[in-house]
Amino acid sequence: MEDASTCLAGNAQTASAGATIWVLDDPRHDRAGAALAIAERLGLPFRRVPLATSWLAPLGRLAPRGAPFGLPATLEKAATPRLVIGAGARGAGAALWLKRQTGSRLVQCMRPGPRAAGFDLLVVGWHDDPPARANVLPVLGEPSRLSPLRLQHAGRAWAERLVHLPHPRVALFVGGPAFASEMPPSLAHGLGRQVAALARRAGGAVLAATGPRTGREATEALAAALGAGPHMLHRFGEPGENPHPAMLALADAVVVTADSAPALSEACATSAPVYVALPELAGARQRRLIASFIAAGQARRLAHSLAAWPRTPLDEAARVAQDIGTRFAADLGLGEAD
């Protein structure tokens, strides 16, 4: 791998220049979501530092951009961070380079590979078999940006727009195969019919949304399955405000397909019962993830009912932030006199 300093991109002026915390922002597949969730819960000023990518680089390796070694002048002049939070293998290299330059504390979400000892805290999902070490904090799924306050605001913003849809409302989030570009339309149609029947039997409605791997044909098959019953369908890529947080906030039950760790983690941030559908879409890692949620009592497999059970809403981002505040209070200036 190239020197880790080459992965820091040139557009790092998107947040506070004197921030105590830097979040390494990998633009691919929203890899920075977990890191941003933790930074937001800490309640301290933080700065998003985008990572440079080169689509021409082999095997997704990082490529230099901007100033020498890829480190932009805006960062060279910036105040030294006390804490750097990254996610994924790409952010790991940049974080370790920054630690050598600044002495910052490092928090890493997801396994960083063989360099784990260089991090002050590793936030690793139970489904990734975290080692029992002092610098490892196991979590269920991954930290989500859907805080209780964010869900509350989203629900209020959309309440009037969805007032025509009766309760119980079933939020249905449809993804796609883990290792393919689009979902088979027959799977989408079958799932749509099943969820629509469950909602109709209870006199309710379906709030459905598709994802980037669902595909056009599967989306239309889902729309046909939802039929004339009360429902809302948000097709992936539609312009306008993202309704996903509001759908979760206003749902009485949630169904997610088995292919997405973020979708399952976000669903469990609500107090609604969460069901997992279409296990055939999941790869080995997703199957381990689902098993960890079921074992924790946070989710169940979709069958013939959407009954609720006692469940505490999941907020792993808040738990991680609390741990960081305890471990690194002196580094972050917590408890210092004003």
C-alpha atoms as a PDB file:
ATOM      1  CA  MET A   1       0.000   0.000   0.000  1.00  0.00           C
ATOM      2  CA  GLU A   2       1.177   3.540  -0.729  1.00  0.00           C
ATOM      3  CA  ASP A   3       2.221   5.885   2.057  1.00  0.00           C
ATOM      4  CA  ALA A   4      -0.966   6.553   3.994  1.00  0.00           C
ATOM      5  CA  SER A   5      -0.522  10.304   3.685  1.00  0.00           C
ATOM      6  CA  THR A   6      -1.525  10.045   0.019  1.00  0.00           C
ATOM      7  CA  CYS A   7      -5.154   9.386   0.805  1.00  0.00           C
ATOM      8  CA  LEU A   8      -6.045  12.774   2.254  1.00  0.00           C
ATOM      9  CA  ALA A   9      -7.907  14.803  -0.336  1.00  0.00           C
ATOM     10  CA  GLY A  10      -7.860  18.501  -1.049  1.00  0.00           C
ATOM     11  CA  ASN A  11     -11.374  19.532  -0.030  1.00  0.00           C
ATOM     12  CA  ALA A  12     -11.078  19.605   3.748  1.00  0.00           C
ATOM     13  CA  GLN A  13     -12.629  23.025   4.346  1.00  0.00           C
ATOM     14  CA  THR A  14     -16.134  21.722   4.981  1.00  0.00           C
ATOM     15  CA  ALA A  15     -16.063  22.096   8.777  1.00  0.00           C
ATOM     16  CA  SER A  16     -14.461  23.926  11.663  1.00  0.00           C
ATOM     17  CA  ALA A  17     -10.762  24.672  11.059  1.00  0.00           C
ATOM     18  CA  GLY A  18      -9.964  24.483  14.768  1.00  0.00           C
ATOM     19  CA  ALA A  19     -11.919  21.312  15.432  1.00  0.00           C
ATOM     20  CA  THR A  20     -10.830  18.985  18.215  1.00  0.00           C
ATOM     21  CA  ILE A  21     -11.939  15.932  16.209  1.00  0.00           C
ATOM     22  CA  TRP A  22     -11.295  14.967  12.606  1.00  0.00           C
ATOM     23  CA  VAL A  23     -13.496  12.440  10.818  1.00  0.00           C
ATOM     24  CA  LEU A  24     -11.871  10.745   7.820  1.00  0.00           C
ATOM     25  CA  ASP A  25     -14.619  10.716   5.222  1.00  0.00           C
ATOM     26  CA  ASP A  26     -14.429   7.922   2.644  1.00  0.00           C
ATOM     27  CA  PRO A  27     -16.938   8.890  -0.086  1.00  0.00           C
ATOM     28  CA  ARG A  28     -17.380   5.310  -1.295  1.00  0.00           C
ATOM     29  CA  HIS A  29     -20.565   3.594  -0.104  1.00  0.00           C
ATOM     30  CA  ASP A  30     -20.991   5.993   2.830  1.00  0.00           C
ATOM     31  CA  ARG A  31     -18.113   4.353   4.688  1.00  0.00           C
ATOM     32  CA  ALA A  32     -17.869   7.379   6.972  1.00  0.00           C
ATOM     33  CA  GLY A  33     -21.394   6.935   8.343  1.00  0.00           C
ATOM     34  CA  ALA A  34     -20.316   5.118  11.510  1.00  0.00           C
ATOM     35  CA  ALA A  35     -17.463   7.555  12.182  1.00  0.00           C
ATOM     36  CA  LEU A  36     -19.752  10.563  11.680  1.00  0.00           C
ATOM     37  CA  ALA A  37     -22.367   9.027  13.962  1.00  0.00           C
ATOM     38  CA  ILE A  38     -19.826   8.742  16.778  1.00  0.00           C
ATOM     39  CA  ALA A  39     -18.493  12.276  16.241  1.00  0.00           C
ATOM     40  CA  GLU A  40     -22.004  13.743  16.281  1.00  0.00           C
ATOM     41  CA  ARG A  41     -22.804  12.021  19.576  1.00  0.00           C
ATOM     42  CA  LEU A  42     -19.612  13.334  21.217  1.00  0.00           C
ATOM     43  CA  GLY A  43     -21.002  16.850  20.982  1.00  0.00           C
ATOM     44  CA  LEU A  44     -17.627  18.476  20.246  1.00  0.00           C
ATOM     45  CA  PRO A  45     -16.549  20.449  17.158  1.00  0.00           C
ATOM     46  CA  PHE A  46     -15.410  18.115  14.401  1.00  0.00           C
ATOM     47  CA  ARG A  47     -14.061  18.439  10.894  1.00  0.00           C
ATOM     48  CA  ARG A  48     -14.813  16.166   7.926  1.00  0.00           C
ATOM     49  CA  VAL A  49     -11.646  15.355   5.972  1.00  0.00           C
ATOM     50  CA  PRO A  50     -12.535  13.722   2.636  1.00  0.00           C
ATOM     51  CA  LEU A  51     -10.272  10.903   1.430  1.00  0.00           C
ATOM     52  CA  ALA A  52      -8.958  11.096  -2.109  1.00  0.00           C
ATOM     53  CA  THR A  53      -9.874   8.267  -4.446  1.00  0.00           C
ATOM     54  CA  SER A  54      -8.693   7.309  -7.894  1.00  0.00           C
ATOM     55  CA  TRP A  55     -11.105   5.222  -9.922  1.00  0.00           C
ATOM     56  CA  LEU A  56      -8.186   4.231 -12.157  1.00  0.00           C
ATOM     57  CA  ALA A  57      -6.077   2.864  -9.325  1.00  0.00           C
ATOM     58  CA  PRO A  58      -5.857  -0.935  -9.242  1.00  0.00           C
ATOM     59  CA  LEU A  59      -7.758  -2.826  -6.525  1.00  0.00           C
ATOM     60  CA  GLY A  60      -9.210   0.382  -5.125  1.00  0.00           C
ATOM     61  CA  ARG A  61      -5.884   1.640  -3.789  1.00  0.00           C
ATOM     62  CA  LEU A  62      -5.591   5.263  -2.757  1.00  0.00           C
ATOM     63  CA  ALA A  63      -3.989   7.765  -5.094  1.00  0.00           C
ATOM     64  CA  PRO A  64      -2.199  11.042  -4.387  1.00  0.00           C
ATOM     65  CA  ARG A  65      -3.948  14.317  -5.010  1.00  0.00           C
ATOM     66  CA  GLY A  66      -3.340  17.992  -4.193  1.00  0.00           C
ATOM     67  CA  ALA A  67      -0.282  18.953  -2.145  1.00  0.00           C
ATOM     68  CA  PRO A  68       2.856  16.784  -1.801  1.00  0.00           C
ATOM     69  CA  PHE A  69       1.991  13.351  -0.422  1.00  0.00           C
ATOM     70  CA  GLY A  70      -1.678  14.235  -0.975  1.00  0.00           C
ATOM     71  CA  LEU A  71      -1.907  16.380   2.154  1.00  0.00           C
ATOM     72  CA  PRO A  72      -3.596  19.692   1.272  1.00  0.00           C
ATOM     73  CA  ALA A  73      -2.205  22.985   2.506  1.00  0.00           C
ATOM     74  CA  THR A  74      -5.456  23.661   4.342  1.00  0.00           C
ATOM     75  CA  LEU A  75      -4.724  20.668   6.543  1.00  0.00           C
ATOM     76  CA  GLU A  76      -1.063  21.534   7.006  1.00  0.00           C
ATOM     77  CA  LYS A  77      -2.111  24.858   8.506  1.00  0.00           C
ATOM     78  CA  ALA A  78      -5.003  23.452  10.514  1.00  0.00           C
ATOM     79  CA  ALA A  79      -4.942  23.012  14.246  1.00  0.00           C
ATOM     80  CA  THR A  80      -3.742  19.603  15.366  1.00  0.00           C
ATOM     81  CA  PRO A  81      -6.651  17.250  16.125  1.00  0.00           C
ATOM     82  CA  ARG A  82      -6.858  15.557  19.487  1.00  0.00           C
ATOM     83  CA  LEU A  83      -8.905  12.679  18.088  1.00  0.00           C
ATOM     84  CA  VAL A  84      -9.150  11.116  14.626  1.00  0.00           C
ATOM     85  CA  ILE A  85     -12.066   8.820  13.771  1.00  0.00           C
ATOM     86  CA  GLY A  86     -11.970   6.629  10.665  1.00  0.00           C
ATOM     87  CA  ALA A  87     -13.874   3.713   9.179  1.00  0.00           C
ATOM     88  CA  GLY A  88     -12.734   0.887   6.937  1.00  0.00           C
ATOM     89  CA  ALA A  89      -9.322  -0.043   5.578  1.00  0.00           C
ATOM     90  CA  ARG A  90      -8.907   3.172   3.564  1.00  0.00           C
ATOM     91  CA  GLY A  91      -9.347   5.405   6.593  1.00  0.00           C
ATOM     92  CA  ALA A  92      -7.058   3.217   8.680  1.00  0.00           C
ATOM     93  CA  GLY A  93      -3.921   4.087   6.713  1.00  0.00           C
ATOM     94  CA  ALA A  94      -4.635   7.821   6.816  1.00  0.00           C
ATOM     95  CA  ALA A  95      -5.353   7.700  10.544  1.00  0.00           C
ATOM     96  CA  LEU A  96      -2.075   5.952  11.346  1.00  0.00           C
ATOM     97  CA  TRP A  97      -0.149   8.488   9.250  1.00  0.00           C
ATOM     98  CA  LEU A  98      -1.826  11.335  11.147  1.00  0.00           C
ATOM     99  CA  LYS A  99      -0.955   9.746  14.474  1.00  0.00           C
ATOM    100  CA  ARG A 100       2.712   9.674  13.507  1.00  0.00           C
ATOM    101  CA  GLN A 101       2.553  13.356  12.577  1.00  0.00           C
ATOM    102  CA  THR A 102       0.346  14.722  15.374  1.00  0.00           C
ATOM    103  CA  GLY A 103       0.171  12.209  18.220  1.00  0.00           C
ATOM    104  CA  SER A 104      -3.622  12.180  17.975  1.00  0.00           C
ATOM    105  CA  ARG A 105      -5.757   9.514  19.575  1.00  0.00           C
ATOM    106  CA  LEU A 106      -7.207   7.142  16.960  1.00  0.00           C
ATOM    107  CA  VAL A 107     -10.637   5.518  16.870  1.00  0.00           C
ATOM    108  CA  GLN A 108     -11.296   3.063  14.045  1.00  0.00           C
ATOM    109  CA  CYS A 109     -14.652   1.595  13.024  1.00  0.00           C
ATOM    110  CA  MET A 110     -14.444  -1.899  11.503  1.00  0.00           C
ATOM    111  CA  ARG A 111     -11.338  -4.040  11.383  1.00  0.00           C
ATOM    112  CA  PRO A 112      -8.222  -2.187  10.089  1.00  0.00           C
ATOM    113  CA  GLY A 113      -6.283  -5.320   9.149  1.00  0.00           C
ATOM    114  CA  PRO A 114      -2.891  -6.260  10.610  1.00  0.00           C
ATOM    115  CA  ARG A 115      -2.237  -2.773  12.048  1.00  0.00           C
ATOM    116  CA  ALA A 116      -4.807  -3.028  14.856  1.00  0.00           C
ATOM    117  CA  ALA A 117      -2.267  -2.368  17.613  1.00  0.00           C
ATOM    118  CA  GLY A 118      -1.687   1.179  16.362  1.00  0.00           C
ATOM    119  CA  PHE A 119      -5.220   2.298  17.264  1.00  0.00           C
ATOM    120  CA  ASP A 120      -6.327   3.551  20.654  1.00  0.00           C
ATOM    121  CA  LEU A 121      -9.840   2.166  20.187  1.00  0.00           C
ATOM    122  CA  LEU A 122     -11.307  -0.276  17.647  1.00  0.00           C
ATOM    123  CA  VAL A 123     -15.103  -0.330  17.250  1.00  0.00           C
ATOM    124  CA  VAL A 124     -15.880  -3.757  15.775  1.00  0.00           C
ATOM    125  CA  GLY A 125     -19.211  -5.485  15.185  1.00  0.00           C
ATOM    126  CA  TRP A 126     -19.891  -8.732  16.995  1.00  0.00           C
ATOM    127  CA  HIS A 127     -20.474 -10.332  13.584  1.00  0.00           C
ATOM    128  CA  ASP A 128     -16.809  -9.669  12.726  1.00  0.00           C
ATOM    129  CA  ASP A 129     -15.587 -11.732  15.706  1.00  0.00           C
ATOM    130  CA  PRO A 130     -13.777  -8.960  17.642  1.00  0.00           C
ATOM    131  CA  PRO A 131     -10.783 -10.058  19.706  1.00  0.00           C
ATOM    132  CA  ALA A 132     -10.915  -9.639  23.489  1.00  0.00           C
ATOM    133  CA  ARG A 133      -8.458  -6.752  23.872  1.00  0.00           C
ATOM    134  CA  ALA A 134      -8.395  -3.593  25.948  1.00  0.00           C
ATOM    135  CA  ASN A 135      -8.527  -1.388  22.834  1.00  0.00           C
ATOM    136  CA  VAL A 136     -11.514  -3.207  21.277  1.00  0.00           C
ATOM    137  CA  LEU A 137     -15.142  -2.183  21.862  1.00  0.00           C
ATOM    138  CA  PRO A 138     -17.616  -4.691  20.357  1.00  0.00           C
ATOM    139  CA  VAL A 139     -20.886  -3.275  19.004  1.00  0.00           C
ATOM    140  CA  LEU A 140     -24.071  -4.709  17.566  1.00  0.00           C
ATOM    141  CA  GLY A 141     -24.174  -3.930  13.856  1.00  0.00           C
ATOM    142  CA  GLU A 142     -22.617  -0.524  13.298  1.00  0.00           C
ATOM    143  CA  PRO A 143     -23.105   2.922  14.860  1.00  0.00           C
ATOM    144  CA  SER A 144     -25.965   4.778  13.155  1.00  0.00           C
ATOM    145  CA  ARG A 145     -26.523   8.491  12.602  1.00  0.00           C
ATOM    146  CA  LEU A 146     -30.234   8.044  13.349  1.00  0.00           C
ATOM    147  CA  SER A 147     -30.219   9.422  16.860  1.00  0.00           C
ATOM    148  CA  PRO A 148     -33.480   9.647  18.831  1.00  0.00           C
ATOM    149  CA  LEU A 149     -33.549  13.404  18.177  1.00  0.00           C
ATOM    150  CA  ARG A 150     -33.030  12.974  14.424  1.00  0.00           C
ATOM    151  CA  LEU A 151     -35.836  10.418  14.252  1.00  0.00           C
ATOM    152  CA  GLN A 152     -38.107  12.717  16.205  1.00  0.00           C
ATOM    153  CA  HIS A 153     -37.475  15.642  13.853  1.00  0.00           C
ATOM    154  CA  ALA A 154     -37.988  13.473  10.756  1.00  0.00           C
ATOM    155  CA  GLY A 155     -41.293  12.150  12.084  1.00  0.00           C
ATOM    156  CA  ARG A 156     -42.582  15.638  12.788  1.00  0.00           C
ATOM    157  CA  ALA A 157     -41.535  16.900   9.358  1.00  0.00           C
ATOM    158  CA  TRP A 158     -43.385  14.126   7.516  1.00  0.00           C
ATOM    159  CA  ALA A 159     -46.369  13.508   9.778  1.00  0.00           C
ATOM    160  CA  GLU A 160     -48.790  15.639   7.757  1.00  0.00           C
ATOM    161  CA  ARG A 161     -47.567  14.270   4.428  1.00  0.00           C
ATOM    162  CA  LEU A 162     -48.335  10.706   5.496  1.00  0.00           C
ATOM    163  CA  VAL A 163     -51.472  11.395   7.501  1.00  0.00           C
ATOM    164  CA  HIS A 164     -53.644   9.704   4.830  1.00  0.00           C
ATOM    165  CA  LEU A 165     -51.951   6.337   5.390  1.00  0.00           C
ATOM    166  CA  PRO A 166     -53.607   4.299   8.155  1.00  0.00           C
ATOM    167  CA  HIS A 167     -51.933   2.557  11.066  1.00  0.00           C
ATOM    168  CA  PRO A 168     -50.364   0.138  11.574  1.00  0.00           C
ATOM    169  CA  ARG A 169     -47.756   1.302   9.105  1.00  0.00           C
ATOM    170  CA  VAL A 170     -45.162  -1.193   7.915  1.00  0.00           C
ATOM    171  CA  ALA A 171     -41.885   0.304   6.672  1.00  0.00           C
ATOM    172  CA  LEU A 172     -40.343  -1.955   4.013  1.00  0.00           C
ATOM    173  CA  PHE A 173     -36.735  -1.375   2.909  1.00  0.00           C
ATOM    174  CA  VAL A 174     -35.734  -3.419  -0.126  1.00  0.00           C
ATOM    175  CA  GLY A 175     -32.078  -3.752  -1.135  1.00  0.00           C
ATOM    176  CA  GLY A 176     -30.550  -6.291  -3.467  1.00  0.00           C
ATOM    177  CA  PRO A 177     -28.116  -9.195  -3.709  1.00  0.00           C
ATOM    178  CA  ALA A 178     -24.834  -8.688  -1.871  1.00  0.00           C
ATOM    179  CA  PHE A 179     -22.759  -9.778  -4.894  1.00  0.00           C
ATOM    180  CA  ALA A 180     -24.961  -8.801  -7.844  1.00  0.00           C
ATOM    181  CA  SER A 181     -26.207  -5.591  -9.404  1.00  0.00           C
ATOM    182  CA  GLU A 182     -29.971  -6.134  -9.276  1.00  0.00           C
ATOM    183  CA  MET A 183     -32.590  -8.150  -7.411  1.00  0.00           C
ATOM    184  CA  PRO A 184     -34.600 -10.813  -9.262  1.00  0.00           C
ATOM    185  CA  PRO A 185     -38.062  -9.271  -9.847  1.00  0.00           C
ATOM    186  CA  SER A 186     -39.763 -12.420  -8.568  1.00  0.00           C
ATOM    187  CA  LEU A 187     -38.186 -11.941  -5.129  1.00  0.00           C
ATOM    188  CA  ALA A 188     -39.273  -8.302  -4.925  1.00  0.00           C
ATOM    189  CA  HIS A 189     -42.792  -9.175  -6.047  1.00  0.00           C
ATOM    190  CA  GLY A 190     -43.121 -12.017  -3.542  1.00  0.00           C
ATOM    191  CA  LEU A 191     -41.877  -9.883  -0.647  1.00  0.00           C
ATOM    192  CA  GLY A 192     -44.164  -7.008  -1.637  1.00  0.00           C
ATOM    193  CA  ARG A 193     -47.197  -9.293  -1.696  1.00  0.00           C
ATOM    194  CA  GLN A 194     -46.314 -10.797   1.684  1.00  0.00           C
ATOM    195  CA  VAL A 195     -45.837  -7.460   3.435  1.00  0.00           C
ATOM    196  CA  ALA A 196     -48.887  -5.895   1.755  1.00  0.00           C
ATOM    197  CA  ALA A 197     -51.029  -8.824   2.931  1.00  0.00           C
ATOM    198  CA  LEU A 198     -49.776  -8.473   6.508  1.00  0.00           C
ATOM    199  CA  ALA A 199     -50.513  -4.739   6.499  1.00  0.00           C
ATOM    200  CA  ARG A 200     -53.929  -5.206   4.854  1.00  0.00           C
ATOM    201  CA  ARG A 201     -54.922  -7.884   7.375  1.00  0.00           C
ATOM    202  CA  ALA A 202     -54.281  -5.366  10.170  1.00  0.00           C
ATOM    203  CA  GLY A 203     -56.014  -2.510   8.346  1.00  0.00           C
ATOM    204  CA  GLY A 204     -52.753  -0.659   7.821  1.00  0.00           C
ATOM    205  CA  ALA A 205     -50.429   0.626   5.099  1.00  0.00           C
ATOM    206  CA  VAL A 206     -46.966   0.008   3.656  1.00  0.00           C
ATOM    207  CA  LEU A 207     -44.166   2.601   3.474  1.00  0.00           C
ATOM    208  CA  ALA A 208     -41.718   1.067   0.983  1.00  0.00           C
ATOM    209  CA  ALA A 209     -38.349   2.184  -0.355  1.00  0.00           C
ATOM    210  CA  THR A 210     -35.854   0.584  -2.732  1.00  0.00           C
ATOM    211  CA  GLY A 211     -32.058   0.785  -2.809  1.00  0.00           C
ATOM    212  CA  PRO A 212     -29.242   1.051  -5.360  1.00  0.00           C
ATOM    213  CA  ARG A 213     -29.087  -2.725  -5.930  1.00  0.00           C
ATOM    214  CA  THR A 214     -32.827  -3.258  -6.313  1.00  0.00           C
ATOM    215  CA  GLY A 215     -32.935  -2.400 -10.031  1.00  0.00           C
ATOM    216  CA  ARG A 216     -35.728  -1.016 -12.209  1.00  0.00           C
ATOM    217  CA  GLU A 217     -37.479  -4.304 -12.989  1.00  0.00           C
ATOM    218  CA  ALA A 218     -37.555  -5.425  -9.366  1.00  0.00           C
ATOM    219  CA  THR A 219     -38.809  -1.985  -8.313  1.00  0.00           C
ATOM    220  CA  GLU A 220     -41.708  -2.212 -10.748  1.00  0.00           C
ATOM    221  CA  ALA A 221     -42.443  -5.761  -9.585  1.00  0.00           C
ATOM    222  CA  LEU A 222     -42.565  -4.460  -6.007  1.00  0.00           C
ATOM    223  CA  ALA A 223     -44.902  -1.633  -7.045  1.00  0.00           C
ATOM    224  CA  ALA A 224     -47.246  -4.119  -8.724  1.00  0.00           C
ATOM    225  CA  ALA A 225     -47.269  -6.317  -5.629  1.00  0.00           C
ATOM    226  CA  LEU A 226     -48.200  -3.427  -3.351  1.00  0.00           C
ATOM    227  CA  GLY A 227     -51.238  -2.992  -5.623  1.00  0.00           C
ATOM    228  CA  ALA A 228     -54.120  -0.713  -4.853  1.00  0.00           C
ATOM    229  CA  GLY A 229     -53.797  -0.975  -1.090  1.00  0.00           C
ATOM    230  CA  PRO A 230     -52.711   2.068   0.908  1.00  0.00           C
ATOM    231  CA  HIS A 231     -48.985   2.531   0.472  1.00  0.00           C
ATOM    232  CA  MET A 232     -46.137   4.873  -0.396  1.00  0.00           C
ATOM    233  CA  LEU A 233     -43.242   3.750  -2.596  1.00  0.00           C
ATOM    234  CA  HIS A 234     -40.031   5.747  -2.764  1.00  0.00           C
ATOM    235  CA  ARG A 235     -37.938   4.591  -5.709  1.00  0.00           C
ATOM    236  CA  PHE A 236     -34.167   4.837  -5.318  1.00  0.00           C
ATOM    237  CA  GLY A 237     -32.817   7.954  -7.030  1.00  0.00           C
ATOM    238  CA  GLU A 238     -36.048   9.956  -6.878  1.00  0.00           C
ATOM    239  CA  PRO A 239     -35.392  13.675  -6.413  1.00  0.00           C
ATOM    240  CA  GLY A 240     -36.338  15.468  -3.268  1.00  0.00           C
ATOM    241  CA  GLU A 241     -35.926  14.859   0.434  1.00  0.00           C
ATOM    242  CA  ASN A 242     -34.902  11.410   1.625  1.00  0.00           C
ATOM    243  CA  PRO A 243     -37.956   9.925   3.404  1.00  0.00           C
ATOM    244  CA  HIS A 244     -36.137   6.987   5.017  1.00  0.00           C
ATOM    245  CA  PRO A 245     -35.716   8.531   8.512  1.00  0.00           C
ATOM    246  CA  ALA A 246     -39.361   9.613   8.526  1.00  0.00           C
ATOM    247  CA  MET A 247     -40.543   6.195   7.389  1.00  0.00           C
ATOM    248  CA  LEU A 248     -38.690   4.655  10.309  1.00  0.00           C
ATOM    249  CA  ALA A 249     -39.921   7.273  12.760  1.00  0.00           C
ATOM    250  CA  LEU A 250     -43.564   6.815  11.741  1.00  0.00           C
ATOM    251  CA  ALA A 251     -43.576   3.024  11.316  1.00  0.00           C
ATOM    252  CA  ASP A 252     -45.318   0.580  13.633  1.00  0.00           C
ATOM    253  CA  ALA A 253     -43.204  -2.291  12.253  1.00  0.00           C
ATOM    254  CA  VAL A 254     -40.131  -2.447  10.026  1.00  0.00           C
ATOM    255  CA  VAL A 255     -39.098  -5.067   7.456  1.00  0.00           C
ATOM    256  CA  VAL A 256     -35.607  -4.956   5.937  1.00  0.00           C
ATOM    257  CA  THR A 257     -34.008  -7.280   3.419  1.00  0.00           C
ATOM    258  CA  ALA A 258     -31.046  -9.288   4.652  1.00  0.00           C
ATOM    259  CA  ASP A 259     -28.335  -7.643   2.540  1.00  0.00           C
ATOM    260  CA  SER A 260     -27.661  -4.370   4.385  1.00  0.00           C
ATOM    261  CA  ALA A 261     -25.947  -3.855   7.742  1.00  0.00           C
ATOM    262  CA  PRO A 262     -26.703  -0.096   7.843  1.00  0.00           C
ATOM    263  CA  ALA A 263     -30.416  -0.658   7.104  1.00  0.00           C
ATOM    264  CA  LEU A 264     -30.755  -3.184   9.909  1.00  0.00           C
ATOM    265  CA  SER A 265     -28.846  -0.985  12.365  1.00  0.00           C
ATOM    266  CA  GLU A 266     -31.008   2.017  11.473  1.00  0.00           C
ATOM    267  CA  ALA A 267     -34.234   0.022  11.779  1.00  0.00           C
ATOM    268  CA  CYS A 268     -33.266  -1.078  15.269  1.00  0.00           C
ATOM    269  CA  ALA A 269     -32.794   2.567  16.298  1.00  0.00           C
ATOM    270  CA  THR A 270     -36.602   2.737  16.459  1.00  0.00           C
ATOM    271  CA  SER A 271     -38.897   1.172  19.055  1.00  0.00           C
ATOM    272  CA  ALA A 272     -40.843  -0.762  16.394  1.00  0.00           C
ATOM    273  CA  PRO A 273     -40.500  -4.525  15.897  1.00  0.00           C
ATOM    274  CA  VAL A 274     -37.875  -5.253  13.222  1.00  0.00           C
ATOM    275  CA  TYR A 275     -38.092  -8.201  10.842  1.00  0.00           C
ATOM    276  CA  VAL A 276     -35.498  -9.470   8.357  1.00  0.00           C
ATOM    277  CA  ALA A 277     -36.633 -10.817   4.973  1.00  0.00           C
ATOM    278  CA  LEU A 278     -35.081 -12.624   2.007  1.00  0.00           C
ATOM    279  CA  PRO A 279     -32.097 -14.305   3.701  1.00  0.00           C
ATOM    280  CA  GLU A 280     -31.026 -15.573   0.266  1.00  0.00           C
ATOM    281  CA  LEU A 281     -29.782 -12.050  -0.507  1.00  0.00           C
ATOM    282  CA  ALA A 282     -27.203 -12.160   2.287  1.00  0.00           C
ATOM    283  CA  GLY A 283     -23.557 -13.109   2.023  1.00  0.00           C
ATOM    284  CA  ALA A 284     -21.700 -14.864   4.830  1.00  0.00           C
ATOM    285  CA  ARG A 285     -20.938 -11.613   6.692  1.00  0.00           C
ATOM    286  CA  GLN A 286     -24.548 -10.441   6.498  1.00  0.00           C
ATOM    287  CA  ARG A 287     -25.736 -13.792   7.802  1.00  0.00           C
ATOM    288  CA  ARG A 288     -23.475 -13.432  10.831  1.00  0.00           C
ATOM    289  CA  LEU A 289     -24.778  -9.894  11.344  1.00  0.00           C
ATOM    290  CA  ILE A 290     -28.406 -11.017  11.252  1.00  0.00           C
ATOM    291  CA  ALA A 291     -27.672 -13.848  13.664  1.00  0.00           C
ATOM    292  CA  SER A 292     -26.123 -11.355  16.125  1.00  0.00           C
ATOM    293  CA  PHE A 293     -29.228  -9.122  16.005  1.00  0.00           C
ATOM    294  CA  ILE A 294     -31.574 -12.072  16.505  1.00  0.00           C
ATOM    295  CA  ALA A 295     -29.483 -13.398  19.398  1.00  0.00           C
ATOM    296  CA  ALA A 296     -29.623  -9.955  21.026  1.00  0.00           C
ATOM    297  CA  GLY A 297     -33.422  -9.840  20.703  1.00  0.00           C
ATOM    298  CA  GLN A 298     -33.274  -6.848  18.359  1.00  0.00           C
ATOM    299  CA  ALA A 299     -34.740  -8.519  15.256  1.00  0.00           C
ATOM    300  CA  ARG A 300     -36.624 -11.581  14.070  1.00  0.00           C
ATOM    301  CA  ARG A 301     -36.996 -13.364  10.758  1.00  0.00           C
ATOM    302  CA  LEU A 302     -40.086 -12.412   8.768  1.00  0.00           C
ATOM    303  CA  ALA A 303     -42.750 -15.100   8.812  1.00  0.00           C
ATOM    304  CA  HIS A 304     -46.529 -14.743   9.181  1.00  0.00           C
ATOM    305  CA  SER A 305     -46.834 -12.009  11.778  1.00  0.00           C
ATOM    306  CA  LEU A 306     -45.576  -8.526  12.601  1.00  0.00           C
ATOM    307  CA  ALA A 307     -46.249  -8.805  16.322  1.00  0.00           C
ATOM    308  CA  ALA A 308     -44.185  -6.651  18.668  1.00  0.00           C
ATOM    309  CA  TRP A 309     -41.996  -7.821  21.542  1.00  0.00           C
ATOM    310  CA  PRO A 310     -40.128  -5.942  24.295  1.00  0.00           C
ATOM    311  CA  ARG A 311     -37.051  -4.344  22.752  1.00  0.00           C
ATOM    312  CA  THR A 312     -34.870  -1.391  23.698  1.00  0.00           C
ATOM    313  CA  PRO A 313     -34.046   0.915  20.750  1.00  0.00           C
ATOM    314  CA  LEU A 314     -30.451   0.462  19.657  1.00  0.00           C
ATOM    315  CA  ASP A 315     -28.060   3.423  19.924  1.00  0.00           C
ATOM    316  CA  GLU A 316     -24.532   2.069  19.624  1.00  0.00           C
ATOM    317  CA  ALA A 317     -23.176   5.457  18.520  1.00  0.00           C
ATOM    318  CA  ALA A 318     -24.121   6.965  21.877  1.00  0.00           C
ATOM    319  CA  ARG A 319     -22.557   4.027  23.724  1.00  0.00           C
ATOM    320  CA  VAL A 320     -19.297   4.373  21.776  1.00  0.00           C
ATOM    321  CA  ALA A 321     -19.239   8.140  22.338  1.00  0.00           C
ATOM    322  CA  GLN A 322     -19.661   7.603  26.065  1.00  0.00           C
ATOM    323  CA  ASP A 323     -16.771   5.128  26.065  1.00  0.00           C
ATOM    324  CA  ILE A 324     -14.545   7.565  24.156  1.00  0.00           C
ATOM    325  CA  GLY A 325     -15.409  10.351  26.590  1.00  0.00           C
ATOM    326  CA  THR A 326     -14.362   8.140  29.488  1.00  0.00           C
ATOM    327  CA  ARG A 327     -11.163   6.779  27.904  1.00  0.00           C
ATOM    328  CA  PHE A 328      -9.873  10.030  26.418  1.00  0.00           C
ATOM    329  CA  ALA A 329     -11.346  12.709  28.692  1.00  0.00           C
ATOM    330  CA  ALA A 330      -7.976  14.383  29.239  1.00  0.00           C
ATOM    331  CA  ASP A 331      -7.082  14.335  25.521  1.00  0.00           C
ATOM    332  CA  LEU A 332     -10.426  15.899  24.582  1.00  0.00           C
ATOM    333  CA  GLY A 333     -10.346  18.508  27.319  1.00  0.00           C
ATOM    334  CA  LEU A 334     -13.434  17.097  28.999  1.00  0.00           C
ATOM    335  CA  GLY A 335     -13.793  18.219  32.572  1.00  0.00           C
ATOM    336  CA  GLU A 336     -11.276  21.060  32.101  1.00  0.00           C
ATOM    337  CA  ALA A 337     -12.134  24.422  33.596  1.00  0.00           C
ATOM    338  CA  ASP A 338     -13.766  26.923  31.248  1.00  0.00           C
END
